[in-house]
Amino acid sequence: MENKVHEPALAYGKFDTIDDFIQFTETSEQRFEFWNGDSLVVSATTQAHAEIAGNTNTLLKSKLKTRGCKSFQESVFLRIKHENILFLPDVLVTCNPEDIAPNSRFVDNPSIIVEVLSESTELYDRSQKWQQYRQIPSLRYYIMISQQTPFVEIYGRPHDQSLFYYQVCEGIDANIELPEMEISLSMEALYDGILFENPKQPS
């Protein structure tokens, strides 16, 4: 099946190699993802989006700092080698020593990927990105977080040979349980500082 990139990932230019793309990004003020030669503009986010991503990254760092894991926010590329793709997830966690190098721009073996959903990117996160993420052997959790209401969706699996299961965490008093990583995240802490003026229930 042909992989096609649709809105909101807008093609900006083509590059023959990832190295050429990385060289281009070093002189650009914009952020980009890379999909089989196409550079795709990553648009600016809302304040709520940025705050939720920051809260999530902080929580994960605090839970994982003694385990040799690293958590990155919107800054390190997730590399899908076999597809020649680079993503910039909102939050990315790796516990693989091969990924952890101060001068590296890439993570190849993530344990957790987090995307904060926006109206403009939700379909992209749920379809094309998830199609690629679920093929990563090391991935244990893909987490999608709503900006509109305290509502979190989780795809998880205990090991790379098992199917992903789906679960929902809803309500500000709930906790997100990630047993394969031995982590529990408070929804209240995840949404700290967020005011839900007009809560929308996910469809």
N, C-alpha and C. Protein backbone atom coordinates (compact mmCIF):
# COMPACT_ATOMS: atom_id res chain seq x y z
N MET A 1 0.84 -1.20 0.00
CA MET A 1 0.00 0.00 0.00
C MET A 1 0.88 1.25 0.00
N GLU A 2 0.57 2.21 -0.83
CA GLU A 2 1.36 3.42 -0.94
C GLU A 2 1.12 4.32 0.26
N ASN A 3 2.22 4.84 0.83
CA ASN A 3 2.11 5.78 1.94
C ASN A 3 2.00 7.19 1.39
N LYS A 4 0.92 7.86 1.66
CA LYS A 4 0.73 9.23 1.23
C LYS A 4 0.60 10.12 2.45
N VAL A 5 1.19 11.30 2.35
CA VAL A 5 1.14 12.24 3.46
C VAL A 5 0.09 13.29 3.16
N HIS A 6 -0.85 13.45 4.08
CA HIS A 6 -1.93 14.41 3.91
C HIS A 6 -1.81 15.54 4.94
N GLU A 7 -2.69 16.52 4.84
CA GLU A 7 -2.75 17.57 5.84
C GLU A 7 -2.87 16.95 7.23
N PRO A 8 -2.29 17.57 8.30
CA PRO A 8 -1.66 18.88 8.29
C PRO A 8 -0.17 18.84 8.02
N ALA A 9 0.37 17.69 7.61
CA ALA A 9 1.80 17.61 7.33
C ALA A 9 2.06 18.12 5.92
N LEU A 10 2.45 19.37 5.78
CA LEU A 10 2.60 20.00 4.49
C LEU A 10 4.02 19.83 3.97
N ALA A 11 4.15 19.29 2.75
CA ALA A 11 5.47 19.09 2.17
C ALA A 11 6.13 20.43 1.88
N TYR A 12 7.37 20.60 2.33
CA TYR A 12 8.09 21.86 2.18
C TYR A 12 9.19 21.74 1.14
N GLY A 13 9.81 20.61 1.05
CA GLY A 13 10.88 20.40 0.08
C GLY A 13 11.30 18.94 0.11
N LYS A 14 12.04 18.52 -0.92
CA LYS A 14 12.48 17.13 -1.01
C LYS A 14 13.99 17.04 -0.81
N PHE A 15 14.40 15.93 -0.19
CA PHE A 15 15.81 15.69 0.08
C PHE A 15 16.13 14.23 -0.25
N ASP A 16 17.33 14.01 -0.78
CA ASP A 16 17.72 12.66 -1.17
C ASP A 16 18.03 11.78 0.03
N THR A 17 18.57 12.38 1.10
CA THR A 17 18.98 11.59 2.26
C THR A 17 18.57 12.29 3.56
N ILE A 18 18.55 11.52 4.63
CA ILE A 18 18.29 12.09 5.95
C ILE A 18 19.38 13.08 6.32
N ASP A 19 20.61 12.78 5.96
CA ASP A 19 21.72 13.70 6.26
C ASP A 19 21.49 15.06 5.61
N ASP A 20 21.03 15.07 4.37
CA ASP A 20 20.74 16.33 3.68
C ASP A 20 19.62 17.07 4.41
N PHE A 21 18.61 16.33 4.84
CA PHE A 21 17.49 16.94 5.57
C PHE A 21 17.97 17.54 6.89
N ILE A 22 18.78 16.82 7.64
CA ILE A 22 19.29 17.32 8.92
C ILE A 22 20.10 18.59 8.71
N GLN A 23 20.93 18.61 7.67
CA GLN A 23 21.71 19.81 7.37
C GLN A 23 20.80 20.99 7.09
N PHE A 24 19.71 20.75 6.39
CA PHE A 24 18.74 21.81 6.11
C PHE A 24 18.10 22.34 7.39
N THR A 25 17.70 21.44 8.29
CA THR A 25 17.02 21.87 9.52
C THR A 25 17.92 22.69 10.43
N GLU A 26 19.23 22.50 10.33
CA GLU A 26 20.16 23.23 11.20
C GLU A 26 20.13 24.73 10.95
N THR A 27 19.69 25.13 9.76
CA THR A 27 19.68 26.56 9.43
C THR A 27 18.25 27.11 9.34
N SER A 28 17.27 26.31 9.76
CA SER A 28 15.87 26.74 9.67
C SER A 28 15.32 27.05 11.06
N GLU A 29 14.48 28.07 11.14
CA GLU A 29 13.82 28.40 12.40
C GLU A 29 12.57 27.56 12.61
N GLN A 30 12.09 26.90 11.57
CA GLN A 30 10.92 26.04 11.67
C GLN A 30 11.33 24.62 12.07
N ARG A 31 10.35 23.85 12.53
CA ARG A 31 10.58 22.44 12.82
C ARG A 31 9.95 21.60 11.72
N PHE A 32 10.58 20.48 11.42
CA PHE A 32 10.14 19.63 10.32
C PHE A 32 10.18 18.17 10.73
N GLU A 33 9.34 17.38 10.08
CA GLU A 33 9.47 15.93 10.07
C GLU A 33 9.89 15.52 8.65
N PHE A 34 10.29 14.27 8.53
CA PHE A 34 10.83 13.78 7.25
C PHE A 34 10.14 12.49 6.88
N TRP A 35 9.59 12.44 5.67
CA TRP A 35 8.84 11.25 5.23
C TRP A 35 9.27 10.88 3.82
N ASN A 36 10.18 9.90 3.74
CA ASN A 36 10.62 9.37 2.44
C ASN A 36 11.00 10.46 1.45
N GLY A 37 11.82 11.39 1.89
CA GLY A 37 12.31 12.44 1.00
C GLY A 37 11.62 13.77 1.15
N ASP A 38 10.38 13.78 1.66
CA ASP A 38 9.65 15.03 1.85
C ASP A 38 9.92 15.60 3.23
N SER A 39 10.17 16.91 3.30
CA SER A 39 10.24 17.59 4.60
C SER A 39 8.88 18.18 4.89
N LEU A 40 8.38 17.93 6.11
CA LEU A 40 7.01 18.29 6.48
C LEU A 40 7.04 19.28 7.63
N VAL A 41 6.43 20.43 7.42
CA VAL A 41 6.43 21.47 8.43
C VAL A 41 5.62 21.03 9.65
N VAL A 42 6.20 21.21 10.84
CA VAL A 42 5.49 20.98 12.09
C VAL A 42 5.00 22.34 12.58
N SER A 43 3.69 22.53 12.62
CA SER A 43 3.13 23.84 12.92
C SER A 43 3.22 24.16 14.41
N ALA A 44 3.10 25.43 14.73
CA ALA A 44 3.10 25.88 16.13
C ALA A 44 1.88 25.32 16.85
N THR A 45 1.98 25.19 18.18
CA THR A 45 0.91 24.60 18.97
C THR A 45 0.21 25.67 19.82
N THR A 46 -0.89 25.26 20.43
CA THR A 46 -1.56 26.12 21.40
C THR A 46 -0.78 26.11 22.72
N GLN A 47 -1.09 27.06 23.58
CA GLN A 47 -0.46 27.09 24.89
C GLN A 47 -0.83 25.85 25.69
N ALA A 48 -2.09 25.42 25.59
CA ALA A 48 -2.53 24.23 26.32
C ALA A 48 -1.75 23.00 25.85
N HIS A 49 -1.59 22.88 24.56
CA HIS A 49 -0.82 21.76 23.99
C HIS A 49 0.58 21.74 24.57
N ALA A 50 1.25 22.87 24.53
CA ALA A 50 2.63 22.96 25.02
C ALA A 50 2.71 22.65 26.51
N GLU A 51 1.72 23.14 27.28
CA GLU A 51 1.75 22.93 28.72
C GLU A 51 1.51 21.46 29.07
N ILE A 52 0.58 20.82 28.38
CA ILE A 52 0.31 19.40 28.64
C ILE A 52 1.53 18.55 28.27
N ALA A 53 2.14 18.86 27.14
CA ALA A 53 3.34 18.12 26.74
C ALA A 53 4.46 18.32 27.77
N GLY A 54 4.61 19.56 28.25
CA GLY A 54 5.63 19.83 29.25
C GLY A 54 5.36 19.10 30.56
N ASN A 55 4.10 19.10 30.99
CA ASN A 55 3.74 18.38 32.21
C ASN A 55 4.03 16.89 32.07
N THR A 56 3.68 16.34 30.91
CA THR A 56 3.89 14.91 30.68
C THR A 56 5.37 14.56 30.70
N ASN A 57 6.16 15.38 30.02
CA ASN A 57 7.60 15.14 29.98
C ASN A 57 8.21 15.22 31.39
N THR A 58 7.79 16.20 32.16
CA THR A 58 8.30 16.35 33.53
C THR A 58 7.94 15.15 34.39
N LEU A 59 6.69 14.70 34.28
CA LEU A 59 6.25 13.54 35.06
C LEU A 59 7.04 12.29 34.70
N LEU A 60 7.22 12.06 33.41
CA LEU A 60 7.94 10.87 32.98
C LEU A 60 9.40 10.92 33.39
N LYS A 61 10.01 12.09 33.29
CA LYS A 61 11.40 12.23 33.73
C LYS A 61 11.54 11.89 35.21
N SER A 62 10.62 12.39 36.02
CA SER A 62 10.72 12.15 37.46
C SER A 62 10.52 10.68 37.81
N LYS A 63 9.70 9.98 37.02
CA LYS A 63 9.43 8.57 37.29
C LYS A 63 10.56 7.66 36.81
N LEU A 64 11.29 8.10 35.79
CA LEU A 64 12.22 7.22 35.10
C LEU A 64 13.69 7.56 35.31
N LYS A 65 13.98 8.65 36.01
CA LYS A 65 15.36 9.14 36.08
C LYS A 65 16.32 8.16 36.73
N THR A 66 15.84 7.27 37.60
CA THR A 66 16.72 6.31 38.26
C THR A 66 16.86 5.01 37.48
N ARG A 67 16.22 4.92 36.31
CA ARG A 67 16.22 3.66 35.55
C ARG A 67 17.09 3.71 34.30
N GLY A 68 17.79 4.80 34.10
CA GLY A 68 18.62 4.92 32.91
C GLY A 68 17.85 5.27 31.67
N CYS A 69 16.60 5.73 31.84
CA CYS A 69 15.76 6.13 30.70
C CYS A 69 15.88 7.63 30.47
N LYS A 70 15.56 8.05 29.27
CA LYS A 70 15.55 9.47 28.92
C LYS A 70 14.20 9.83 28.30
N SER A 71 13.71 11.03 28.64
CA SER A 71 12.47 11.55 28.09
C SER A 71 12.75 12.86 27.38
N PHE A 72 12.24 13.00 26.17
CA PHE A 72 12.49 14.19 25.35
C PHE A 72 11.16 14.80 24.91
N GLN A 73 11.13 16.13 24.83
CA GLN A 73 9.91 16.84 24.45
C GLN A 73 10.11 17.59 23.15
N GLU A 74 9.45 17.13 22.08
CA GLU A 74 9.36 17.85 20.80
C GLU A 74 10.72 18.30 20.27
N SER A 75 11.77 17.52 20.53
CA SER A 75 13.10 18.02 20.18
C SER A 75 14.00 16.99 19.54
N VAL A 76 13.80 15.72 19.82
CA VAL A 76 14.63 14.64 19.29
C VAL A 76 13.81 13.82 18.31
N PHE A 77 14.42 13.49 17.18
CA PHE A 77 13.71 12.76 16.14
C PHE A 77 13.53 11.29 16.52
N LEU A 78 12.32 10.78 16.30
CA LEU A 78 12.08 9.35 16.30
C LEU A 78 12.35 8.85 14.89
N ARG A 79 13.33 7.96 14.77
CA ARG A 79 13.74 7.49 13.44
C ARG A 79 13.13 6.13 13.15
N ILE A 80 12.39 6.05 12.03
CA ILE A 80 11.85 4.79 11.54
C ILE A 80 12.76 4.37 10.38
N LYS A 81 13.78 3.59 10.70
CA LYS A 81 14.84 3.33 9.73
C LYS A 81 14.35 2.65 8.47
N HIS A 82 13.54 1.61 8.64
CA HIS A 82 13.14 0.82 7.47
C HIS A 82 12.21 1.57 6.54
N GLU A 83 11.66 2.70 7.00
CA GLU A 83 10.75 3.49 6.17
C GLU A 83 11.34 4.85 5.78
N ASN A 84 12.57 5.15 6.26
CA ASN A 84 13.20 6.43 5.95
C ASN A 84 12.33 7.61 6.41
N ILE A 85 11.91 7.54 7.68
CA ILE A 85 10.98 8.51 8.26
C ILE A 85 11.56 9.06 9.56
N LEU A 86 11.38 10.35 9.79
CA LEU A 86 11.72 10.99 11.06
C LEU A 86 10.48 11.71 11.58
N PHE A 87 10.07 11.38 12.80
CA PHE A 87 8.97 12.07 13.46
C PHE A 87 9.50 12.90 14.63
N LEU A 88 8.71 13.90 15.02
CA LEU A 88 8.97 14.67 16.23
C LEU A 88 7.77 14.52 17.17
N PRO A 89 7.69 13.42 17.91
CA PRO A 89 6.56 13.26 18.84
C PRO A 89 6.58 14.34 19.92
N ASP A 90 5.42 14.58 20.52
CA ASP A 90 5.36 15.58 21.59
C ASP A 90 6.23 15.17 22.78
N VAL A 91 6.19 13.89 23.13
CA VAL A 91 7.08 13.36 24.17
C VAL A 91 7.53 11.97 23.73
N LEU A 92 8.79 11.68 24.00
CA LEU A 92 9.41 10.45 23.55
C LEU A 92 10.29 9.91 24.67
N VAL A 93 10.10 8.65 25.02
CA VAL A 93 10.88 8.02 26.08
C VAL A 93 11.63 6.82 25.51
N THR A 94 12.93 6.73 25.81
CA THR A 94 13.70 5.55 25.48
C THR A 94 14.45 5.06 26.72
N CYS A 95 14.53 3.75 26.84
CA CYS A 95 15.31 3.13 27.91
C CYS A 95 16.42 2.26 27.33
N ASN A 96 16.65 2.39 26.03
CA ASN A 96 17.65 1.59 25.34
C ASN A 96 19.00 2.31 25.36
N PRO A 97 20.04 1.70 25.92
CA PRO A 97 21.36 2.36 25.98
C PRO A 97 21.90 2.77 24.62
N GLU A 98 21.51 2.04 23.56
CA GLU A 98 21.99 2.39 22.22
C GLU A 98 21.44 3.73 21.75
N ASP A 99 20.32 4.16 22.32
CA ASP A 99 19.72 5.44 21.93
C ASP A 99 20.33 6.63 22.67
N ILE A 100 20.95 6.38 23.80
CA ILE A 100 21.33 7.46 24.69
C ILE A 100 22.76 7.90 24.42
N ALA A 101 22.88 9.03 23.73
CA ALA A 101 24.16 9.62 23.38
C ALA A 101 23.96 11.13 23.29
N PRO A 102 24.73 11.92 24.04
CA PRO A 102 24.47 13.36 24.15
C PRO A 102 24.41 14.09 22.81
N ASN A 103 25.17 13.64 21.82
CA ASN A 103 25.22 14.37 20.55
C ASN A 103 24.29 13.80 19.48
N SER A 104 23.52 12.79 19.84
CA SER A 104 22.62 12.17 18.86
C SER A 104 21.34 12.99 18.70
N ARG A 105 20.84 13.03 17.49
CA ARG A 105 19.56 13.70 17.20
C ARG A 105 18.40 12.71 17.13
N PHE A 106 18.69 11.40 17.32
CA PHE A 106 17.71 10.37 17.00
C PHE A 106 17.46 9.43 18.18
N VAL A 107 16.24 8.90 18.21
CA VAL A 107 15.89 7.74 19.03
C VAL A 107 15.31 6.70 18.08
N ASP A 108 15.82 5.47 18.19
CA ASP A 108 15.35 4.38 17.33
C ASP A 108 14.48 3.38 18.06
N ASN A 109 14.59 3.33 19.40
CA ASN A 109 13.96 2.27 20.18
C ASN A 109 13.13 2.83 21.34
N PRO A 110 12.06 3.55 21.04
CA PRO A 110 11.27 4.18 22.11
C PRO A 110 10.46 3.16 22.89
N SER A 111 10.28 3.44 24.18
CA SER A 111 9.38 2.65 25.02
C SER A 111 8.00 3.30 25.10
N ILE A 112 7.98 4.64 25.11
CA ILE A 112 6.73 5.40 25.22
C ILE A 112 6.75 6.52 24.19
N ILE A 113 5.64 6.69 23.48
CA ILE A 113 5.43 7.83 22.59
C ILE A 113 4.14 8.51 23.02
N VAL A 114 4.19 9.84 23.14
CA VAL A 114 3.02 10.62 23.55
C VAL A 114 2.72 11.67 22.49
N GLU A 115 1.47 11.77 22.10
CA GLU A 115 1.01 12.86 21.24
C GLU A 115 -0.16 13.56 21.93
N VAL A 116 -0.07 14.88 22.02
CA VAL A 116 -1.18 15.71 22.50
C VAL A 116 -2.03 16.05 21.28
N LEU A 117 -3.28 15.67 21.30
CA LEU A 117 -4.13 15.80 20.11
C LEU A 117 -4.58 17.24 19.89
N SER A 118 -4.55 17.64 18.61
CA SER A 118 -5.08 18.93 18.18
C SER A 118 -6.07 18.69 17.06
N GLU A 119 -6.97 19.63 16.85
CA GLU A 119 -7.95 19.46 15.78
C GLU A 119 -7.27 19.27 14.43
N SER A 120 -6.16 19.96 14.21
CA SER A 120 -5.50 19.92 12.91
C SER A 120 -4.62 18.68 12.73
N THR A 121 -4.21 18.03 13.82
CA THR A 121 -3.27 16.91 13.71
C THR A 121 -3.83 15.58 14.20
N GLU A 122 -5.04 15.57 14.75
CA GLU A 122 -5.56 14.35 15.38
C GLU A 122 -5.63 13.19 14.39
N LEU A 123 -6.13 13.42 13.20
CA LEU A 123 -6.24 12.35 12.22
C LEU A 123 -4.87 11.81 11.85
N TYR A 124 -3.91 12.68 11.68
CA TYR A 124 -2.53 12.30 11.36
C TYR A 124 -1.94 11.45 12.49
N ASP A 125 -2.18 11.86 13.75
CA ASP A 125 -1.66 11.10 14.90
C ASP A 125 -2.32 9.74 15.02
N ARG A 126 -3.62 9.67 14.70
CA ARG A 126 -4.36 8.42 14.86
C ARG A 126 -4.14 7.43 13.71
N SER A 127 -3.81 7.95 12.55
CA SER A 127 -3.74 7.08 11.38
C SER A 127 -2.29 6.86 10.92
N GLN A 128 -1.74 7.82 10.20
CA GLN A 128 -0.42 7.62 9.60
C GLN A 128 0.68 7.43 10.64
N LYS A 129 0.66 8.23 11.69
CA LYS A 129 1.69 8.06 12.72
C LYS A 129 1.52 6.73 13.44
N TRP A 130 0.30 6.40 13.85
CA TRP A 130 0.07 5.15 14.57
C TRP A 130 0.43 3.95 13.70
N GLN A 131 0.18 4.04 12.42
CA GLN A 131 0.54 2.97 11.50
C GLN A 131 2.04 2.68 11.57
N GLN A 132 2.84 3.73 11.71
CA GLN A 132 4.30 3.55 11.81
C GLN A 132 4.72 3.18 13.23
N TYR A 133 4.14 3.85 14.22
CA TYR A 133 4.55 3.61 15.61
C TYR A 133 4.36 2.15 16.02
N ARG A 134 3.25 1.56 15.63
CA ARG A 134 2.93 0.22 16.12
C ARG A 134 3.84 -0.85 15.53
N GLN A 135 4.66 -0.50 14.54
CA GLN A 135 5.62 -1.45 13.98
C GLN A 135 6.96 -1.42 14.71
N ILE A 136 7.13 -0.54 15.69
CA ILE A 136 8.39 -0.42 16.42
C ILE A 136 8.45 -1.50 17.50
N PRO A 137 9.38 -2.44 17.43
CA PRO A 137 9.41 -3.55 18.38
C PRO A 137 9.52 -3.13 19.84
N SER A 138 10.27 -2.06 20.13
CA SER A 138 10.50 -1.65 21.51
C SER A 138 9.32 -0.93 22.15
N LEU A 139 8.35 -0.48 21.33
CA LEU A 139 7.28 0.37 21.85
C LEU A 139 6.35 -0.42 22.78
N ARG A 140 6.15 0.13 23.97
CA ARG A 140 5.22 -0.47 24.93
C ARG A 140 3.94 0.34 25.06
N TYR A 141 4.03 1.68 24.92
CA TYR A 141 2.84 2.51 25.08
C TYR A 141 2.82 3.65 24.06
N TYR A 142 1.68 3.80 23.42
CA TYR A 142 1.38 4.99 22.63
C TYR A 142 0.23 5.69 23.32
N ILE A 143 0.45 6.93 23.73
CA ILE A 143 -0.50 7.68 24.55
C ILE A 143 -0.97 8.91 23.78
N MET A 144 -2.29 9.08 23.67
CA MET A 144 -2.88 10.26 23.02
C MET A 144 -3.67 11.03 24.07
N ILE A 145 -3.37 12.31 24.19
CA ILE A 145 -3.94 13.14 25.25
C ILE A 145 -4.81 14.23 24.64
N SER A 146 -6.04 14.34 25.13
CA SER A 146 -6.95 15.40 24.68
C SER A 146 -6.58 16.73 25.34
N GLN A 147 -6.71 17.81 24.57
CA GLN A 147 -6.57 19.16 25.14
C GLN A 147 -7.88 19.67 25.70
N GLN A 148 -9.00 19.13 25.23
CA GLN A 148 -10.31 19.73 25.48
C GLN A 148 -10.93 19.29 26.79
N THR A 149 -10.56 18.11 27.26
CA THR A 149 -11.16 17.54 28.46
C THR A 149 -10.17 16.52 29.02
N PRO A 150 -10.21 16.23 30.32
CA PRO A 150 -9.29 15.23 30.87
C PRO A 150 -9.61 13.83 30.36
N PHE A 151 -9.00 13.47 29.25
CA PHE A 151 -9.31 12.23 28.56
C PHE A 151 -8.05 11.76 27.86
N VAL A 152 -7.60 10.55 28.19
CA VAL A 152 -6.36 10.00 27.65
C VAL A 152 -6.62 8.61 27.08
N GLU A 153 -6.12 8.36 25.89
CA GLU A 153 -6.23 7.05 25.25
C GLU A 153 -4.86 6.39 25.21
N ILE A 154 -4.83 5.10 25.46
CA ILE A 154 -3.56 4.39 25.59
C ILE A 154 -3.61 3.10 24.77
N TYR A 155 -2.60 2.91 23.94
CA TYR A 155 -2.35 1.60 23.35
C TYR A 155 -1.12 1.02 24.05
N GLY A 156 -1.24 -0.19 24.57
CA GLY A 156 -0.14 -0.78 25.30
C GLY A 156 0.03 -2.25 24.97
N ARG A 157 1.21 -2.77 25.28
CA ARG A 157 1.46 -4.20 25.12
C ARG A 157 2.63 -4.60 26.02
N PRO A 158 2.64 -5.84 26.51
CA PRO A 158 3.68 -6.26 27.43
C PRO A 158 5.01 -6.59 26.76
N HIS A 159 4.98 -6.98 25.47
CA HIS A 159 6.22 -7.30 24.77
C HIS A 159 5.97 -7.20 23.27
N ASP A 160 7.06 -7.30 22.48
CA ASP A 160 6.94 -7.01 21.06
C ASP A 160 6.21 -8.08 20.26
N GLN A 161 5.95 -9.23 20.87
CA GLN A 161 5.23 -10.29 20.17
C GLN A 161 3.72 -10.26 20.44
N SER A 162 3.28 -9.37 21.32
CA SER A 162 1.86 -9.30 21.67
C SER A 162 1.16 -8.20 20.89
N LEU A 163 -0.16 -8.32 20.80
CA LEU A 163 -0.97 -7.29 20.17
C LEU A 163 -1.16 -6.12 21.14
N PHE A 164 -1.34 -4.93 20.59
CA PHE A 164 -1.65 -3.77 21.42
C PHE A 164 -3.08 -3.85 21.93
N TYR A 165 -3.27 -3.55 23.19
CA TYR A 165 -4.62 -3.40 23.74
C TYR A 165 -4.92 -1.91 23.84
N TYR A 166 -6.19 -1.59 23.97
CA TYR A 166 -6.64 -0.20 24.02
C TYR A 166 -7.35 0.06 25.33
N GLN A 167 -7.04 1.18 25.97
CA GLN A 167 -7.75 1.57 27.18
C GLN A 167 -7.89 3.08 27.24
N VAL A 168 -8.83 3.52 28.07
CA VAL A 168 -9.14 4.94 28.21
C VAL A 168 -9.02 5.32 29.68
N CYS A 169 -8.49 6.53 29.91
CA CYS A 169 -8.44 7.09 31.26
C CYS A 169 -9.17 8.44 31.20
N GLU A 170 -10.19 8.60 32.02
CA GLU A 170 -11.06 9.78 31.93
C GLU A 170 -11.32 10.36 33.31
N GLY A 171 -11.29 11.70 33.38
CA GLY A 171 -11.58 12.39 34.63
C GLY A 171 -10.33 12.88 35.33
N ILE A 172 -10.40 14.05 35.91
CA ILE A 172 -9.23 14.70 36.50
C ILE A 172 -8.73 13.96 37.74
N ASP A 173 -9.56 13.14 38.37
CA ASP A 173 -9.16 12.41 39.57
C ASP A 173 -8.59 11.03 39.27
N ALA A 174 -8.53 10.66 38.01
CA ALA A 174 -8.06 9.33 37.62
C ALA A 174 -6.54 9.27 37.56
N ASN A 175 -6.03 8.07 37.47
CA ASN A 175 -4.60 7.84 37.28
C ASN A 175 -4.38 7.01 36.02
N ILE A 176 -3.32 7.32 35.31
CA ILE A 176 -2.93 6.56 34.12
C ILE A 176 -1.96 5.48 34.57
N GLU A 177 -2.34 4.24 34.39
CA GLU A 177 -1.51 3.13 34.82
C GLU A 177 -0.76 2.53 33.62
N LEU A 178 0.56 2.47 33.75
CA LEU A 178 1.41 1.89 32.71
C LEU A 178 2.21 0.75 33.34
N PRO A 179 1.58 -0.40 33.54
CA PRO A 179 2.20 -1.46 34.33
C PRO A 179 3.48 -2.03 33.73
N GLU A 180 3.59 -2.04 32.41
CA GLU A 180 4.81 -2.59 31.80
C GLU A 180 6.03 -1.73 32.10
N MET A 181 5.81 -0.46 32.42
CA MET A 181 6.89 0.46 32.80
C MET A 181 6.90 0.73 34.30
N GLU A 182 5.94 0.12 35.02
CA GLU A 182 5.79 0.33 36.46
C GLU A 182 5.65 1.81 36.79
N ILE A 183 4.74 2.46 36.05
CA ILE A 183 4.51 3.90 36.19
C ILE A 183 3.02 4.15 36.40
N SER A 184 2.71 5.10 37.27
CA SER A 184 1.36 5.63 37.44
C SER A 184 1.44 7.16 37.34
N LEU A 185 0.64 7.74 36.45
CA LEU A 185 0.64 9.18 36.24
C LEU A 185 -0.70 9.77 36.65
N SER A 186 -0.67 10.79 37.44
CA SER A 186 -1.88 11.47 37.88
C SER A 186 -2.43 12.35 36.77
N MET A 187 -3.71 12.21 36.47
CA MET A 187 -4.34 13.09 35.48
C MET A 187 -4.31 14.53 35.96
N GLU A 188 -4.46 14.74 37.25
CA GLU A 188 -4.43 16.09 37.81
C GLU A 188 -3.08 16.74 37.53
N ALA A 189 -1.98 15.98 37.68
CA ALA A 189 -0.65 16.52 37.40
C ALA A 189 -0.44 16.71 35.90
N LEU A 190 -0.98 15.80 35.10
CA LEU A 190 -0.85 15.88 33.65
C LEU A 190 -1.48 17.15 33.11
N TYR A 191 -2.64 17.52 33.70
CA TYR A 191 -3.38 18.69 33.24
C TYR A 191 -3.18 19.91 34.14
N ASP A 192 -2.12 19.90 34.93
CA ASP A 192 -1.85 21.02 35.83
C ASP A 192 -1.74 22.33 35.04
N GLY A 193 -2.50 23.34 35.47
CA GLY A 193 -2.47 24.64 34.81
C GLY A 193 -3.43 24.81 33.67
N ILE A 194 -4.18 23.75 33.32
CA ILE A 194 -5.10 23.80 32.18
C ILE A 194 -6.51 24.13 32.67
N LEU A 195 -7.13 25.12 32.04
CA LEU A 195 -8.51 25.50 32.34
C LEU A 195 -9.40 25.00 31.20
N PHE A 196 -10.36 24.18 31.54
CA PHE A 196 -11.28 23.65 30.53
C PHE A 196 -12.50 24.57 30.48
N GLU A 197 -12.42 25.61 29.63
CA GLU A 197 -13.49 26.59 29.56
C GLU A 197 -14.74 26.00 28.91
N ASN A 198 -14.55 25.29 27.82
CA ASN A 198 -15.69 24.68 27.12
C ASN A 198 -15.35 23.23 26.84
N PRO A 199 -15.43 22.38 27.85
CA PRO A 199 -15.03 20.98 27.65
C PRO A 199 -15.81 20.31 26.51
N LYS A 200 -15.05 19.60 25.68
CA LYS A 200 -15.67 18.82 24.60
C LYS A 200 -15.42 17.35 24.87
N GLN A 201 -16.47 16.55 24.80
CA GLN A 201 -16.31 15.13 24.96
C GLN A 201 -15.75 14.54 23.67
N PRO A 202 -14.73 13.67 23.79
CA PRO A 202 -14.19 13.05 22.57
C PRO A 202 -15.26 12.25 21.87
N SER A 203 -15.19 12.25 20.54
CA SER A 203 -16.18 11.53 19.74
C SER A 203 -15.87 10.04 19.71
